[in-house]
Amino acid sequence: MGKRKRSLADTTIGDAVESGVLQRNAEDERLDGRIVTLGGEKLINFGSCSYLGLETDPRLKAGAIDAVDRFGALFACSRGYMSAPPYSELESLFEQIYAAPIILTQTTTLGHLAVLPVLVGRKDAVLLDRQVHASVQMAAGLLRAKNIHVEALRHNDLGEVERRASALAAKHPRVWYLADGVYSMYADVAPVDELCDLQQSIPQLFTYYDDAHGMSWTGKNGRGFVLGERPIPERTIVALSFGKGFGVGAGACLVFSDPEDARRVRNCGGP
């Protein structure tokens, strides 16, 4: 067999790896959240997704050590059967912050995989922004496999969202629009206020936001971009990450506008 041709993405990234731009390993024995050593040179790290630098806060490290000491490094049990002791307290605290039903998940990716296959019905339609996070697009792939109508729209094109949502609402009981709060590649934001207005004019329109990159550094109490200064709108679900801003290795939460949706996901969400 002949040598397989490399894709453009593979070639570009491979060249960057060979030139020392990508896939580097920090050489430090201890990290302070600001300086990393690469090739023996001390550099300021501008590539971190830890927006507040809390992973090195002594209080957070002490709390993590205490939790490992009390509960072990791993609680190896499905939450469908039993949760680790801190879960109920943490869910209660986040319900106070968002004044809405909350479900904790290990990651936002697992959250998407728990929510969308459960709540998006076979007769529904799905619209996704072309720049929505890859983890959301992964979950949308599961919907396609169930023969649910899924189509991608131009990035942040509110006019196209309105046109396609209006057209699909004539044929489908619900139309879901999947977007990021803060986009990971472009660093721009979803037009949340305009989408809320659009939901008022199209009652079948539901919104699902991945606001992993907005949580912690913006909004009241670190509520993020989508829910920063507003209660969760009707027919809306927001996924949020602890790892991007609150300095923990994993963890995410899902905020629901409808308690019944939260109940269904808790009971039926695979992850």
Protein backbone atom coordinates (compact mmCIF):
# COMPACT_ATOMS: atom_id res chain seq x y z
CA MET A 1 0.00 0.00 0.00
CA GLY A 2 1.16 3.52 -0.78
CA LYS A 3 1.92 6.11 1.86
CA ARG A 4 -1.26 7.71 3.16
CA LYS A 5 -1.58 11.38 2.26
CA ARG A 6 -1.58 13.73 5.25
CA SER A 7 -4.42 16.20 5.68
CA LEU A 8 -3.75 19.94 5.65
CA ALA A 9 -4.46 20.16 9.39
CA ASP A 10 -2.16 17.24 10.15
CA THR A 11 0.62 18.71 8.01
CA THR A 12 0.28 22.20 9.52
CA ILE A 13 0.25 20.98 13.11
CA GLY A 14 3.06 18.51 12.40
CA ASP A 15 5.22 21.33 11.05
CA ALA A 16 4.47 23.40 14.17
CA VAL A 17 5.45 20.49 16.42
CA GLU A 18 8.73 20.01 14.55
CA SER A 19 9.51 23.72 14.85
CA GLY A 20 8.91 23.64 18.61
CA VAL A 21 5.74 25.74 18.68
CA LEU A 22 3.24 23.07 19.76
CA GLN A 23 3.06 19.99 22.01
CA ARG A 24 5.80 21.15 24.38
CA ASN A 25 6.29 19.79 27.90
CA ALA A 26 6.98 22.11 30.82
CA GLU A 27 10.27 21.22 32.50
CA ASP A 28 9.57 22.66 35.94
CA GLU A 29 9.49 20.56 39.12
CA ARG A 30 7.06 23.09 40.65
CA LEU A 31 4.67 25.47 38.88
CA ASP A 32 3.58 28.89 40.14
CA GLY A 33 0.82 29.48 37.56
CA ARG A 34 2.79 32.17 35.74
CA ILE A 35 6.27 31.06 34.69
CA VAL A 36 7.10 27.87 32.75
CA THR A 37 10.43 26.49 31.59
CA LEU A 38 10.72 25.37 27.95
CA GLY A 39 14.05 24.39 26.46
CA GLY A 40 15.78 25.63 29.59
CA GLU A 41 14.31 29.12 29.18
CA LYS A 42 11.98 30.78 31.71
CA LEU A 43 8.88 32.12 29.95
CA ILE A 44 5.63 33.81 30.97
CA ASN A 45 2.74 31.47 30.14
CA PHE A 46 0.06 33.30 28.15
CA GLY A 47 -1.53 30.03 27.01
CA SER A 48 -3.20 29.08 30.28
CA CYS A 49 -6.99 28.63 30.46
CA SER A 50 -6.85 29.18 34.23
CA TYR A 51 -8.25 32.67 33.95
CA LEU A 52 -7.95 33.63 37.63
CA GLY A 53 -4.81 31.65 38.50
CA LEU A 54 -6.51 29.98 41.44
CA GLU A 55 -4.84 26.60 40.95
CA THR A 56 -1.88 27.82 43.01
CA ASP A 57 -3.92 29.52 45.76
CA PRO A 58 -2.83 27.98 49.10
CA ARG A 59 -6.44 27.71 50.31
CA LEU A 60 -7.52 25.75 47.25
CA LYS A 61 -4.53 23.43 47.44
CA ALA A 62 -5.18 22.84 51.15
CA GLY A 63 -8.83 22.08 50.40
CA ALA A 64 -7.88 19.57 47.71
CA ILE A 65 -5.41 17.87 50.05
CA ASP A 66 -8.07 17.70 52.78
CA ALA A 67 -10.63 16.21 50.37
CA VAL A 68 -8.17 13.55 49.16
CA ASP A 69 -7.29 12.73 52.79
CA ARG A 70 -10.97 12.33 53.78
CA PHE A 71 -12.48 10.79 50.64
CA GLY A 72 -9.54 9.32 48.71
CA ALA A 73 -8.07 10.27 45.34
CA LEU A 74 -11.05 8.69 43.53
CA PHE A 75 -14.69 7.94 44.37
CA ALA A 76 -15.23 5.11 41.90
CA CYS A 77 -19.00 4.96 41.69
CA SER A 78 -21.59 6.08 39.17
CA ARG A 79 -23.63 9.02 40.42
CA GLY A 80 -26.70 7.07 39.34
CA TYR A 81 -26.05 4.88 42.38
CA MET A 82 -24.25 7.14 44.85
CA SER A 83 -22.40 10.46 44.96
CA ALA A 84 -19.35 11.44 46.98
CA PRO A 85 -20.26 13.35 50.17
CA PRO A 86 -19.34 16.88 48.91
CA TYR A 87 -21.65 16.70 45.86
CA SER A 88 -24.91 17.62 47.62
CA GLU A 89 -23.29 20.61 49.35
CA LEU A 90 -21.74 21.84 46.10
CA GLU A 91 -24.99 21.50 44.12
CA SER A 92 -26.82 23.39 46.87
CA LEU A 93 -24.28 26.23 46.76
CA PHE A 94 -24.49 26.55 42.98
CA GLU A 95 -28.29 26.51 43.11
CA GLN A 96 -28.00 29.55 45.39
CA ILE A 97 -25.67 31.29 42.92
CA TYR A 98 -27.86 30.66 39.87
CA ALA A 99 -31.29 30.42 41.53
CA ALA A 100 -32.05 27.50 39.21
CA PRO A 101 -31.85 23.69 39.14
CA ILE A 102 -28.24 22.40 38.92
CA ILE A 103 -26.61 19.12 37.97
CA LEU A 104 -22.88 18.59 38.52
CA THR A 105 -20.85 16.62 35.99
CA GLN A 106 -17.20 15.63 35.79
CA THR A 107 -16.62 17.74 32.64
CA THR A 108 -18.64 19.93 30.29
CA THR A 109 -18.15 17.31 27.56
CA LEU A 110 -19.86 14.67 29.69
CA GLY A 111 -22.55 17.24 30.47
CA HIS A 112 -23.31 17.75 26.78
CA LEU A 113 -23.43 13.98 26.27
CA ALA A 114 -25.83 13.64 29.20
CA VAL A 115 -28.21 16.43 28.22
CA LEU A 116 -28.64 16.58 24.46
CA PRO A 117 -29.43 12.91 23.66
CA VAL A 118 -32.03 12.94 26.46
CA LEU A 119 -33.80 16.25 25.86
CA VAL A 120 -33.62 16.58 22.05
CA GLY A 121 -36.47 14.51 20.67
CA ARG A 122 -36.46 12.51 17.43
CA LYS A 123 -38.89 14.98 15.84
CA ASP A 124 -36.90 18.05 16.95
CA ALA A 125 -34.41 20.01 14.82
CA VAL A 126 -30.98 21.29 15.83
CA LEU A 127 -29.09 24.36 14.65
CA LEU A 128 -25.49 24.85 15.71
CA ASP A 129 -23.12 27.75 15.31
CA ARG A 130 -20.15 26.66 13.20
CA GLN A 131 -17.79 27.84 15.94
CA VAL A 132 -19.57 26.08 18.83
CA HIS A 133 -17.10 24.07 20.88
CA ALA A 134 -15.96 20.71 19.52
CA SER A 135 -17.45 18.94 22.55
CA VAL A 136 -20.92 20.25 21.64
CA GLN A 137 -20.41 19.21 18.03
CA MET A 138 -19.49 15.73 19.31
CA ALA A 139 -22.83 15.50 21.11
CA ALA A 140 -24.59 16.79 17.98
CA GLY A 141 -23.04 13.85 16.12
CA LEU A 142 -24.96 11.49 18.40
CA LEU A 143 -28.15 13.29 17.42
CA ARG A 144 -27.35 12.89 13.72
CA ALA A 145 -26.89 9.17 14.32
CA LYS A 146 -30.50 9.10 15.57
CA ASN A 147 -31.62 10.74 12.28
CA ILE A 148 -32.43 14.01 14.03
CA HIS A 149 -32.18 17.02 11.72
CA VAL A 150 -28.91 18.86 12.48
CA GLU A 151 -27.44 21.73 10.47
CA ALA A 152 -24.62 24.23 11.02
CA LEU A 153 -25.08 27.98 10.57
CA ARG A 154 -22.66 30.83 9.89
CA HIS A 155 -20.98 32.07 13.03
CA ASN A 156 -23.07 34.54 15.07
CA ASP A 157 -25.38 35.23 12.10
CA LEU A 158 -28.56 36.14 13.96
CA GLY A 159 -30.48 36.69 10.72
CA GLU A 160 -29.74 33.16 9.57
CA VAL A 161 -30.72 31.79 12.98
CA GLU A 162 -34.06 33.57 12.70
CA ARG A 163 -34.70 32.39 9.13
CA ARG A 164 -33.82 28.76 9.75
CA ALA A 165 -35.51 28.57 13.16
CA SER A 166 -38.71 30.05 11.74
CA ALA A 167 -38.70 27.62 8.81
CA LEU A 168 -37.96 24.57 10.95
CA ALA A 169 -40.51 25.57 13.61
CA ALA A 170 -43.23 25.00 10.99
CA LYS A 171 -42.20 21.33 10.75
CA HIS A 172 -40.68 20.43 14.12
CA PRO A 173 -42.10 20.72 17.65
CA ARG A 174 -38.84 22.19 18.99
CA VAL A 175 -35.80 23.84 17.42
CA TRP A 176 -32.56 23.84 19.43
CA TYR A 177 -29.83 26.40 18.86
CA LEU A 178 -26.41 25.33 20.19
CA ALA A 179 -23.82 28.04 20.82
CA ASP A 180 -20.96 29.10 23.06
CA GLY A 181 -21.25 31.95 25.53
CA VAL A 182 -17.64 32.99 24.91
CA TYR A 183 -16.13 31.32 21.84
CA SER A 184 -12.86 29.54 22.46
CA MET A 185 -11.26 30.29 19.09
CA TYR A 186 -12.51 33.81 18.25
CA ALA A 187 -13.00 35.03 21.85
CA ASP A 188 -16.19 36.81 20.79
CA VAL A 189 -19.55 36.21 22.45
CA ALA A 190 -23.02 34.99 21.61
CA PRO A 191 -25.75 37.65 21.11
CA VAL A 192 -27.63 36.39 24.15
CA ASP A 193 -30.05 39.34 24.51
CA GLU A 194 -31.04 39.13 20.84
CA LEU A 195 -31.47 35.36 21.07
CA CYS A 196 -33.73 35.82 24.11
CA ASP A 197 -35.86 38.22 22.05
CA LEU A 198 -35.92 35.70 19.23
CA GLN A 199 -37.15 33.02 21.61
CA GLN A 200 -40.08 35.26 22.47
CA SER A 201 -41.10 35.53 18.82
CA ILE A 202 -40.45 31.81 18.09
CA PRO A 203 -41.93 29.80 21.00
CA GLN A 204 -40.47 26.53 19.67
CA LEU A 205 -36.88 27.86 19.93
CA PHE A 206 -34.68 26.45 22.71
CA THR A 207 -31.10 27.59 23.42
CA TYR A 208 -28.19 25.55 24.73
CA TYR A 209 -24.99 27.41 25.64
CA ASP A 210 -21.53 26.12 26.45
CA ASP A 211 -20.22 28.96 28.63
CA ALA A 212 -17.11 27.12 29.83
CA HIS A 213 -14.90 30.05 28.81
CA GLY A 214 -17.12 32.67 30.48
CA MET A 215 -17.59 31.20 33.94
CA SER A 216 -15.62 32.64 36.89
CA TRP A 217 -13.98 35.76 35.44
CA THR A 218 -17.19 37.61 34.52
CA GLY A 219 -20.70 38.03 35.88
CA LYS A 220 -22.02 38.35 39.41
CA ASN A 221 -20.32 35.77 41.65
CA GLY A 222 -18.50 34.43 38.60
CA ARG A 223 -21.78 33.32 36.99
CA GLY A 224 -20.26 33.66 33.51
CA PHE A 225 -21.18 35.59 30.40
CA VAL A 226 -24.58 34.09 29.56
CA LEU A 227 -26.04 34.27 33.08
CA GLY A 228 -23.77 37.00 34.44
CA GLU A 229 -26.41 39.61 35.23
CA ARG A 230 -29.63 37.82 34.26
CA PRO A 231 -31.68 34.89 35.57
CA ILE A 232 -31.67 31.91 33.25
CA PRO A 233 -34.14 32.59 30.40
CA GLU A 234 -36.99 30.22 29.67
CA ARG A 235 -36.27 27.25 27.40
CA THR A 236 -32.52 27.57 28.05
CA ILE A 237 -29.76 25.31 29.38
CA VAL A 238 -26.22 26.51 30.18
CA ALA A 239 -23.16 24.30 30.65
CA LEU A 240 -20.32 25.74 32.76
CA SER A 241 -16.79 24.58 33.58
CA PHE A 242 -14.91 24.81 36.89
CA GLY A 243 -11.58 23.97 35.28
CA LYS A 244 -11.25 27.12 33.16
CA GLY A 245 -11.50 29.62 35.98
CA PHE A 246 -11.96 28.13 39.42
CA GLY A 247 -8.61 26.36 39.47
CA VAL A 248 -9.74 22.73 39.73
CA GLY A 249 -8.65 19.85 37.52
CA ALA A 250 -12.17 18.90 36.46
CA GLY A 251 -15.78 19.57 37.23
CA ALA A 252 -18.70 21.31 35.54
CA CYS A 253 -22.32 22.16 36.15
CA LEU A 254 -25.47 22.37 34.07
CA VAL A 255 -28.02 25.10 34.78
CA PHE A 256 -31.63 24.42 33.74
CA SER A 257 -34.56 26.76 33.31
CA ASP A 258 -37.01 23.85 33.69
CA PRO A 259 -36.80 21.60 36.78
CA GLU A 260 -38.45 18.80 34.79
CA ASP A 261 -35.59 18.85 32.27
CA ALA A 262 -33.07 18.60 35.12
CA ARG A 263 -34.97 15.64 36.58
CA ARG A 264 -35.03 13.81 33.24
CA VAL A 265 -31.30 14.34 32.70
CA ARG A 266 -30.48 13.20 36.23
CA ASN A 267 -32.50 10.03 35.70
CA CYS A 268 -31.66 9.25 32.06
CA GLY A 269 -28.39 11.00 31.17
CA GLY A 270 -25.86 8.30 30.34
CA PRO A 271 -22.67 9.95 31.70
